[in-house]
Amino acid sequence: MLEKRAPIPYLDVVKKRKNIAILGSTGSIGRSSLEVIAACPDRFRLTYLTGHRNIELLQEQVRRFKPRAVVVREESNAALVRERLNGETEVLSGEKGLQEVVSRDDVDIVISSLVGFAGLKPTIWALEAGKDVALANKETLVTGGEVIMRKVRKNRVRLLPVDSEHCAILQCLQGEKPENVERLILTASGGPFLHLDKKKFSTITRAQALAHPTWEMGPKITVDSATMMNKALEVIEAVWLFDVPPEQVEVLIHPESIVHSMVEFVDGSVIAQLGRPDMTVPIQYALTYPRRCAGLAAPLRLEEVGRLTFEKPNPRTFRSLALAYDVVRAGGSAPVTFNAANEVAVEEFLAGRIRFTRIMELVEECLNRRQDGASLSLEELMAADERARRQARELLANGCVSRT
């Protein structure tokens, strides 16, 4: 379970500022995290930022927030940032730089918002260094759930979800005993193609897939929402975060995106967490947990919302959900393959090289061909990920999964 040490004393939360490192500060979660930090300067202090390609924005963030150091993935970009900052801020690069900043003493909590499998190793490094982690990178738990939770227990740290759905579940479970839980109900907007005839999926364009009806997210996670792979990954994430069997995790379509998730208890009661679709809320809750403070989000006015609707997802339309339950039950290399094949497929779709319908076809074909293994160590996870990506690209190159 999430709580593995004594609750933070009240004075720790309200009087001691938390030192925060953000992994992936130029992405959507990173930018929202900086908004939260800027709004609460008496509670939070930004100490480190990391970025990848968007060095112009990264430089702006450094000049505004004045972190003690910044990490840039590529050394060539890091050299450029050093030159432009002219010694104002320490500039590190690569994995070595990431591992160093998450291990430094002036970090209390790490916001892990790197995209995809790339977030696994830095999250492990932070946990090994005894840091609490606010996790916005669901792929970390999907691919390395057993390794991650073992690190959490061993180092007696907190792993706090930033996904709005898992943050909602965490809030609904406060004060409740595990044996009282009947079901965890994750809500999903349904994405832009909820009621589109599946026969028309082959004509879906990149622009259409990126036009999410309620959330503003990066391109990869937006496409995942369109295929509902995002929700499939969240099912696996919930199994690890809350230590429940997959049979206790259910998904409901909720287009209004007001109910962020629910918990049903054995007596038939259901507790839900509601709010506007605003990522600053789960980010702030992770940073102040288990307390709350005034934030940036506008208050929810139910009379303005008018109605809340729910429906079950169609497993024939959104094959990813059914696969998620098979994958988490299979274990071994299945979750790594599931995620890696999807990352390759989404990259190909965004580049215009395959159709929308080929995304899940490639994922399923890679699962059918995977070489199973325990995949319990970081080295085995890395090897399984590399193997699955190579296989996905070979399948495309050999025409086993058509590009058109």
Protein backbone atom coordinates (compact mmCIF):
# COMPACT_ATOMS: atom_id res chain seq x y z
CA MET A 1 0.00 0.00 0.00
CA LEU A 2 1.01 3.65 -0.36
CA GLU A 3 1.56 4.56 3.29
CA LYS A 4 4.67 2.84 4.61
CA ARG A 5 5.78 5.24 7.34
CA ALA A 6 4.29 7.54 9.95
CA PRO A 7 2.19 10.45 8.64
CA ILE A 8 4.00 13.74 8.15
CA PRO A 9 3.65 15.85 11.32
CA TYR A 10 1.51 18.93 10.85
CA LEU A 11 4.38 21.35 11.44
CA ASP A 12 6.46 19.63 8.77
CA VAL A 13 3.78 20.44 6.22
CA VAL A 14 2.94 24.02 7.10
CA LYS A 15 6.25 25.43 8.41
CA LYS A 16 9.03 23.60 6.59
CA ARG A 17 9.25 24.26 2.89
CA LYS A 18 9.65 21.10 0.81
CA ASN A 19 12.55 21.00 -1.63
CA ILE A 20 11.32 19.70 -4.98
CA ALA A 21 13.01 18.27 -8.06
CA ILE A 22 10.97 18.00 -11.26
CA LEU A 23 11.92 15.38 -13.83
CA GLY A 24 10.48 16.56 -17.14
CA SER A 25 9.73 20.20 -16.34
CA THR A 26 8.91 21.25 -19.91
CA GLY A 27 6.07 18.74 -20.33
CA SER A 28 2.46 19.40 -19.40
CA ILE A 29 2.77 17.93 -15.88
CA GLY A 30 6.07 19.71 -15.32
CA ARG A 31 4.59 23.06 -16.32
CA SER A 32 1.58 22.54 -14.06
CA SER A 33 3.89 21.53 -11.21
CA LEU A 34 5.75 24.81 -11.57
CA GLU A 35 2.43 26.68 -11.39
CA VAL A 36 1.69 24.95 -8.07
CA ILE A 37 5.15 25.74 -6.71
CA ALA A 38 4.92 29.38 -7.78
CA ALA A 39 1.53 29.73 -6.10
CA CYS A 40 2.80 28.35 -2.77
CA PRO A 41 6.28 29.85 -2.18
CA ASP A 42 5.89 29.45 1.61
CA ARG A 43 5.42 25.67 1.22
CA PHE A 44 7.60 24.64 -1.72
CA ARG A 45 11.09 25.41 -2.98
CA LEU A 46 12.19 24.28 -6.43
CA THR A 47 15.74 22.94 -6.28
CA TYR A 48 16.22 21.03 -9.56
CA LEU A 49 14.77 20.90 -13.07
CA THR A 50 15.35 18.44 -15.90
CA GLY A 51 14.45 18.68 -19.57
CA HIS A 52 15.10 17.15 -22.95
CA ARG A 53 14.66 18.93 -26.28
CA ASN A 54 12.72 22.08 -25.41
CA ILE A 55 15.76 23.96 -24.17
CA GLU A 56 14.26 27.41 -24.88
CA LEU A 57 11.45 26.77 -22.39
CA LEU A 58 13.87 25.09 -19.99
CA GLN A 59 16.05 28.20 -19.96
CA GLU A 60 13.03 30.39 -19.25
CA GLN A 61 12.10 28.12 -16.33
CA VAL A 62 15.65 28.27 -14.95
CA ARG A 63 15.72 32.06 -15.09
CA ARG A 64 12.31 32.35 -13.45
CA PHE A 65 12.63 29.74 -10.69
CA LYS A 66 16.42 29.81 -10.17
CA PRO A 67 16.99 26.13 -9.33
CA ARG A 68 20.34 25.05 -7.92
CA ALA A 69 21.00 22.94 -11.00
CA VAL A 70 19.36 21.79 -14.22
CA VAL A 71 19.82 18.50 -16.08
CA VAL A 72 19.60 18.31 -19.88
CA ARG A 73 19.42 14.84 -21.42
CA GLU A 74 21.80 15.41 -24.35
CA GLU A 75 25.27 16.78 -23.64
CA SER A 76 25.19 18.88 -26.83
CA ASN A 77 22.07 20.67 -25.60
CA ALA A 78 23.53 20.91 -22.10
CA ALA A 79 26.58 22.71 -23.51
CA LEU A 80 24.32 25.18 -25.27
CA VAL A 81 22.37 25.82 -22.07
CA ARG A 82 25.62 26.34 -20.13
CA GLU A 83 26.74 28.92 -22.63
CA ARG A 84 23.44 30.80 -22.55
CA LEU A 85 23.12 30.75 -18.76
CA ASN A 86 26.74 31.93 -18.47
CA GLY A 87 27.40 30.28 -15.12
CA GLU A 88 24.16 31.41 -13.46
CA THR A 89 23.10 27.81 -12.76
CA GLU A 90 24.90 24.47 -12.63
CA VAL A 91 24.11 22.44 -15.77
CA LEU A 92 24.43 18.63 -15.74
CA SER A 93 23.61 16.13 -18.47
CA GLY A 94 22.48 12.59 -19.18
CA GLU A 95 21.58 9.76 -16.84
CA LYS A 96 24.49 10.57 -14.58
CA GLY A 97 23.10 14.04 -14.02
CA LEU A 98 19.61 12.69 -13.35
CA GLN A 99 20.89 10.18 -10.82
CA GLU A 100 22.94 12.85 -9.07
CA VAL A 101 20.19 15.44 -8.60
CA VAL A 102 17.55 12.99 -7.32
CA SER A 103 20.08 11.77 -4.76
CA ARG A 104 21.13 15.15 -3.38
CA ASP A 105 20.33 16.11 0.20
CA ASP A 106 18.39 19.25 -0.80
CA VAL A 107 15.56 17.19 -2.33
CA ASP A 108 12.56 16.08 -0.25
CA ILE A 109 10.25 14.96 -3.05
CA VAL A 110 10.77 14.15 -6.72
CA ILE A 111 8.03 14.78 -9.27
CA SER A 112 8.55 12.05 -11.87
CA SER A 113 6.87 13.29 -15.05
CA LEU A 114 9.16 11.96 -17.76
CA VAL A 115 7.25 10.38 -20.64
CA GLY A 116 7.13 6.61 -21.06
CA PHE A 117 9.62 3.94 -20.06
CA ALA A 118 12.33 6.61 -19.74
CA GLY A 119 10.93 7.46 -16.30
CA LEU A 120 11.68 4.04 -14.76
CA LYS A 121 15.37 4.36 -13.89
CA PRO A 122 15.23 7.92 -12.47
CA THR A 123 12.25 6.93 -10.31
CA ILE A 124 14.17 3.93 -8.96
CA TRP A 125 17.19 6.16 -8.24
CA ALA A 126 15.02 8.58 -6.30
CA LEU A 127 13.46 5.80 -4.22
CA GLU A 128 16.86 4.27 -3.52
CA ALA A 129 18.04 7.68 -2.30
CA GLY A 130 15.18 7.74 0.22
CA LYS A 131 13.11 10.39 -1.58
CA ASP A 132 9.34 10.52 -1.70
CA VAL A 133 8.12 10.40 -5.31
CA ALA A 134 5.08 12.09 -6.82
CA LEU A 135 4.52 9.77 -9.78
CA ALA A 136 3.04 11.16 -12.98
CA ASN A 137 4.70 8.48 -15.11
CA LYS A 138 2.34 5.51 -15.12
CA GLU A 139 4.64 3.45 -17.36
CA THR A 140 7.05 3.17 -14.41
CA LEU A 141 4.60 1.05 -12.40
CA VAL A 142 3.20 -0.75 -15.43
CA THR A 143 6.62 -2.08 -16.43
CA GLY A 144 8.40 -2.24 -13.09
CA GLY A 145 5.63 -2.56 -10.51
CA GLU A 146 7.25 -5.28 -8.43
CA VAL A 147 10.68 -3.62 -8.44
CA ILE A 148 9.23 -0.21 -7.62
CA MET A 149 7.04 -1.35 -4.74
CA ARG A 150 9.91 -3.37 -3.31
CA LYS A 151 12.02 -0.17 -3.29
CA VAL A 152 9.18 1.75 -1.62
CA ARG A 153 8.93 -0.80 1.18
CA LYS A 154 12.67 -1.21 1.66
CA ASN A 155 13.40 2.52 1.84
CA ARG A 156 10.22 3.42 3.75
CA VAL A 157 9.28 6.21 1.38
CA ARG A 158 6.02 7.37 -0.16
CA LEU A 159 4.99 6.81 -3.77
CA LEU A 160 2.16 9.28 -4.34
CA PRO A 161 0.08 9.23 -7.54
CA VAL A 162 -0.27 12.34 -9.66
CA ASP A 163 -2.64 10.77 -12.19
CA SER A 164 -6.00 12.34 -11.42
CA GLU A 165 -7.69 8.92 -11.23
CA HIS A 166 -5.25 7.35 -8.79
CA CYS A 167 -5.08 10.53 -6.74
CA ALA A 168 -8.87 10.33 -6.50
CA ILE A 169 -8.70 6.71 -5.32
CA LEU A 170 -6.08 7.66 -2.72
CA GLN A 171 -8.37 10.36 -1.36
CA CYS A 172 -11.39 8.04 -1.28
CA LEU A 173 -9.41 5.43 0.68
CA GLN A 174 -8.30 7.74 3.48
CA GLY A 175 -9.22 6.19 6.84
CA GLU A 176 -10.55 2.99 5.25
CA LYS A 177 -9.39 -0.57 5.86
CA PRO A 178 -8.37 -2.67 2.82
CA GLU A 179 -10.83 -5.43 3.70
CA ASN A 180 -13.71 -2.95 3.36
CA VAL A 181 -12.96 -2.25 -0.32
CA GLU A 182 -15.13 -3.99 -2.92
CA ARG A 183 -14.04 -2.24 -6.13
CA LEU A 184 -11.86 0.57 -7.39
CA ILE A 185 -13.66 2.37 -10.22
CA LEU A 186 -11.46 4.36 -12.60
CA THR A 187 -13.28 6.87 -14.76
CA ALA A 188 -12.33 7.66 -18.35
CA SER A 189 -13.42 10.49 -20.61
CA GLY A 190 -13.62 8.08 -23.52
CA GLY A 191 -11.44 10.33 -25.65
CA PRO A 192 -12.47 11.87 -28.98
CA PHE A 193 -13.72 8.64 -30.58
CA LEU A 194 -16.05 7.32 -27.90
CA HIS A 195 -19.08 7.03 -30.18
CA LEU A 196 -17.33 6.86 -33.54
CA ASP A 197 -18.17 3.79 -35.63
CA LYS A 198 -15.16 1.47 -35.41
CA LYS A 199 -15.32 1.03 -39.19
CA LYS A 200 -14.15 4.65 -39.46
CA PHE A 201 -11.14 4.24 -37.16
CA SER A 202 -8.82 3.53 -40.10
CA THR A 203 -9.39 7.09 -41.38
CA ILE A 204 -8.54 8.83 -38.09
CA THR A 205 -5.88 11.49 -38.55
CA ARG A 206 -3.13 12.68 -36.23
CA ALA A 207 -4.96 15.98 -35.69
CA GLN A 208 -8.20 14.21 -34.78
CA ALA A 209 -6.43 11.91 -32.31
CA LEU A 210 -4.78 14.88 -30.62
CA ALA A 211 -8.06 16.77 -30.16
CA HIS A 212 -8.96 15.56 -26.65
CA PRO A 213 -12.42 16.78 -25.53
CA THR A 214 -11.56 17.71 -21.91
CA TRP A 215 -7.84 17.44 -21.02
CA GLU A 216 -4.77 19.27 -22.34
CA MET A 217 -1.91 16.75 -22.42
CA GLY A 218 1.22 15.89 -24.36
CA PRO A 219 0.87 14.11 -27.74
CA LYS A 220 1.80 10.62 -26.54
CA ILE A 221 -0.66 10.51 -23.66
CA THR A 222 -3.36 12.16 -25.82
CA VAL A 223 -3.10 9.39 -28.42
CA ASP A 224 -3.13 6.85 -25.57
CA SER A 225 -6.39 8.40 -24.41
CA ALA A 226 -7.84 8.06 -27.91
CA THR A 227 -7.05 4.31 -27.97
CA MET A 228 -7.87 4.06 -24.23
CA MET A 229 -4.40 2.61 -23.75
CA ASN A 230 -3.99 5.35 -21.16
CA LYS A 231 -6.76 3.77 -19.11
CA ALA A 232 -5.39 0.28 -19.73
CA LEU A 233 -2.07 1.37 -18.24
CA GLU A 234 -3.92 2.93 -15.31
CA VAL A 235 -5.63 -0.38 -14.53
CA ILE A 236 -2.21 -2.02 -14.16
CA GLU A 237 -0.94 0.95 -12.18
CA ALA A 238 -3.87 0.71 -9.76
CA VAL A 239 -3.17 -2.98 -9.12
CA TRP A 240 0.33 -2.09 -7.91
CA LEU A 241 -0.42 1.17 -6.13
CA PHE A 242 -3.31 -0.14 -4.07
CA ASP A 243 -2.31 -3.81 -3.80
CA VAL A 244 -5.54 -5.21 -5.24
CA PRO A 245 -6.20 -8.02 -7.75
CA PRO A 246 -7.19 -6.89 -11.26
CA GLU A 247 -10.71 -8.23 -10.69
CA GLN A 248 -11.26 -5.40 -8.21
CA VAL A 249 -10.45 -2.67 -10.73
CA GLU A 250 -13.17 -1.49 -13.10
CA VAL A 251 -13.36 1.25 -15.73
CA LEU A 252 -16.38 3.44 -16.45
CA ILE A 253 -16.71 6.02 -19.22
CA HIS A 254 -17.52 9.45 -17.80
CA PRO A 255 -17.34 12.07 -20.58
CA GLU A 256 -17.75 15.08 -18.30
CA SER A 257 -14.46 14.28 -16.48
CA ILE A 258 -15.83 15.62 -13.20
CA VAL A 259 -15.81 12.39 -11.16
CA HIS A 260 -12.13 11.47 -11.25
CA SER A 261 -12.63 8.00 -9.74
CA MET A 262 -14.63 6.13 -7.10
CA VAL A 263 -14.34 3.40 -4.49
CA GLU A 264 -17.16 0.96 -3.79
CA PHE A 265 -17.16 -0.62 -0.33
CA VAL A 266 -18.49 -3.96 0.85
CA ASP A 267 -21.60 -2.35 2.37
CA GLY A 268 -22.63 -0.94 -1.01
CA SER A 269 -21.47 2.61 -0.29
CA VAL A 270 -19.57 4.48 -2.99
CA ILE A 271 -17.20 7.38 -2.29
CA ALA A 272 -16.18 9.56 -5.24
CA GLN A 273 -13.75 12.42 -5.68
CA LEU A 274 -15.03 15.25 -7.86
CA GLY A 275 -13.41 18.34 -9.31
CA ARG A 276 -12.81 20.26 -12.49
CA PRO A 277 -10.35 18.66 -14.95
CA ASP A 278 -7.30 20.50 -13.62
CA MET A 279 -3.98 18.71 -13.04
CA THR A 280 -2.82 21.24 -10.47
CA VAL A 281 -5.16 19.55 -7.94
CA PRO A 282 -3.56 16.05 -7.91
CA ILE A 283 -0.08 17.57 -8.17
CA GLN A 284 -0.68 19.76 -5.13
CA TYR A 285 -2.26 16.93 -3.15
CA ALA A 286 0.79 14.75 -3.78
CA LEU A 287 3.07 17.55 -2.59
CA THR A 288 1.08 18.35 0.58
CA TYR A 289 -0.10 14.81 1.41
CA PRO A 290 -1.75 14.01 3.79
CA ARG A 291 -2.79 17.65 4.32
CA ARG A 292 -4.52 20.11 2.01
CA CYS A 293 -4.09 23.79 1.29
CA ALA A 294 -5.75 26.43 -0.87
CA GLY A 295 -4.77 26.01 -4.50
CA LEU A 296 -5.15 27.25 -8.05
CA ALA A 297 -8.16 25.24 -9.20
CA ALA A 298 -11.51 26.95 -9.62
CA PRO A 299 -14.25 25.58 -7.34
CA LEU A 300 -16.61 22.99 -8.78
CA ARG A 301 -20.20 24.20 -9.26
CA LEU A 302 -22.39 21.16 -9.85
CA GLU A 303 -25.34 23.31 -10.86
CA GLU A 304 -23.22 24.53 -13.77
CA VAL A 305 -22.21 20.99 -14.73
CA GLY A 306 -25.87 19.98 -14.88
CA ARG A 307 -25.53 16.22 -15.27
CA LEU A 308 -23.02 13.43 -14.84
CA THR A 309 -23.21 10.37 -17.10
CA PHE A 310 -21.54 6.97 -17.01
CA GLU A 311 -21.35 3.97 -19.31
CA LYS A 312 -19.32 0.82 -19.67
CA PRO A 313 -16.57 0.87 -22.32
CA ASN A 314 -17.05 -1.29 -25.38
CA PRO A 315 -14.27 -3.95 -25.26
CA ARG A 316 -14.57 -4.55 -29.02
CA THR A 317 -13.97 -0.87 -29.78
CA PHE A 318 -11.22 -0.38 -27.19
CA ARG A 319 -9.24 -3.62 -27.26
CA SER A 320 -6.52 -2.14 -25.03
CA LEU A 321 -8.64 -2.48 -21.89
CA ALA A 322 -9.22 -6.21 -22.28
CA LEU A 323 -5.52 -6.70 -23.02
CA ALA A 324 -4.55 -4.85 -19.83
CA TYR A 325 -6.27 -7.43 -17.62
CA ASP A 326 -4.63 -10.28 -19.54
CA VAL A 327 -1.25 -8.58 -19.25
CA VAL A 328 -1.36 -7.92 -15.51
CA ARG A 329 -2.48 -11.50 -14.85
CA ALA A 330 0.28 -12.91 -17.07
CA GLY A 331 3.02 -10.86 -15.42
CA GLY A 332 6.58 -11.65 -16.45
CA SER A 333 7.60 -9.71 -19.55
CA ALA A 334 4.00 -9.08 -20.66
CA PRO A 335 3.61 -5.59 -19.08
CA VAL A 336 6.98 -4.46 -20.47
CA THR A 337 6.06 -5.71 -23.95
CA PHE A 338 2.60 -4.12 -23.70
CA ASN A 339 4.09 -0.72 -22.95
CA ALA A 340 7.10 -0.87 -25.28
CA ALA A 341 5.08 -1.95 -28.33
CA ASN A 342 2.60 0.83 -27.66
CA GLU A 343 5.34 3.46 -27.38
CA VAL A 344 6.77 2.35 -30.73
CA ALA A 345 3.33 2.26 -32.35
CA VAL A 346 2.31 5.71 -31.08
CA GLU A 347 5.62 7.16 -32.27
CA GLU A 348 4.98 5.67 -35.72
CA PHE A 349 1.41 7.01 -35.80
CA LEU A 350 2.44 10.51 -34.73
CA ALA A 351 5.09 10.48 -37.47
CA GLY A 352 2.41 9.58 -40.03
CA ARG A 353 3.88 6.16 -40.84
CA ILE A 354 1.01 3.93 -39.67
CA ARG A 355 -2.73 4.26 -39.36
CA PHE A 356 -4.51 4.68 -36.05
CA THR A 357 -5.91 1.13 -36.17
CA ARG A 358 -2.39 -0.34 -36.47
CA ILE A 359 -1.44 0.84 -32.98
CA MET A 360 -3.31 -1.87 -31.12
CA GLU A 361 -2.67 -4.45 -33.84
CA LEU A 362 1.07 -4.03 -33.31
CA VAL A 363 0.72 -4.19 -29.52
CA GLU A 364 -1.28 -7.41 -29.69
CA GLU A 365 1.07 -9.04 -32.18
CA CYS A 366 4.08 -8.26 -30.00
CA LEU A 367 2.31 -9.74 -26.98
CA ASN A 368 1.58 -12.91 -28.91
CA ARG A 369 5.26 -13.26 -29.89
CA ARG A 370 6.91 -12.22 -26.63
CA GLN A 371 9.57 -14.28 -24.89
CA ASP A 372 8.44 -14.59 -21.31
CA GLY A 373 10.75 -14.03 -18.39
CA ALA A 374 10.69 -13.07 -14.74
CA SER A 375 11.66 -9.43 -15.46
CA LEU A 376 12.14 -8.66 -11.78
CA SER A 377 15.44 -6.80 -11.80
CA LEU A 378 16.11 -3.45 -13.44
CA GLU A 379 18.53 -5.11 -15.86
CA GLU A 380 15.94 -7.70 -16.90
CA LEU A 381 13.32 -4.97 -17.34
CA MET A 382 15.66 -2.95 -19.57
CA ALA A 383 16.48 -6.03 -21.64
CA ALA A 384 12.80 -6.96 -22.04
CA ASP A 385 11.96 -3.41 -23.11
CA GLU A 386 14.74 -3.33 -25.70
CA ARG A 387 13.70 -6.75 -27.01
CA ALA A 388 10.05 -5.70 -27.38
CA ARG A 389 10.93 -2.45 -29.19
CA ARG A 390 13.20 -4.29 -31.58
CA GLN A 391 10.50 -6.85 -32.28
CA ALA A 392 7.88 -4.15 -32.88
CA ARG A 393 10.08 -2.40 -35.44
CA GLU A 394 10.95 -5.69 -37.12
CA LEU A 395 7.27 -6.58 -37.43
CA LEU A 396 6.61 -3.25 -39.12
CA ALA A 397 9.67 -3.54 -41.37
CA ASN A 398 8.75 -7.10 -42.43
CA GLY A 399 5.13 -6.24 -43.11
CA CYS A 400 3.77 -8.54 -40.40
CA VAL A 401 1.74 -5.54 -39.28
CA SER A 402 0.87 -3.35 -42.24
CA ARG A 403 1.75 0.34 -42.16
CA THR A 404 -1.35 1.27 -44.15
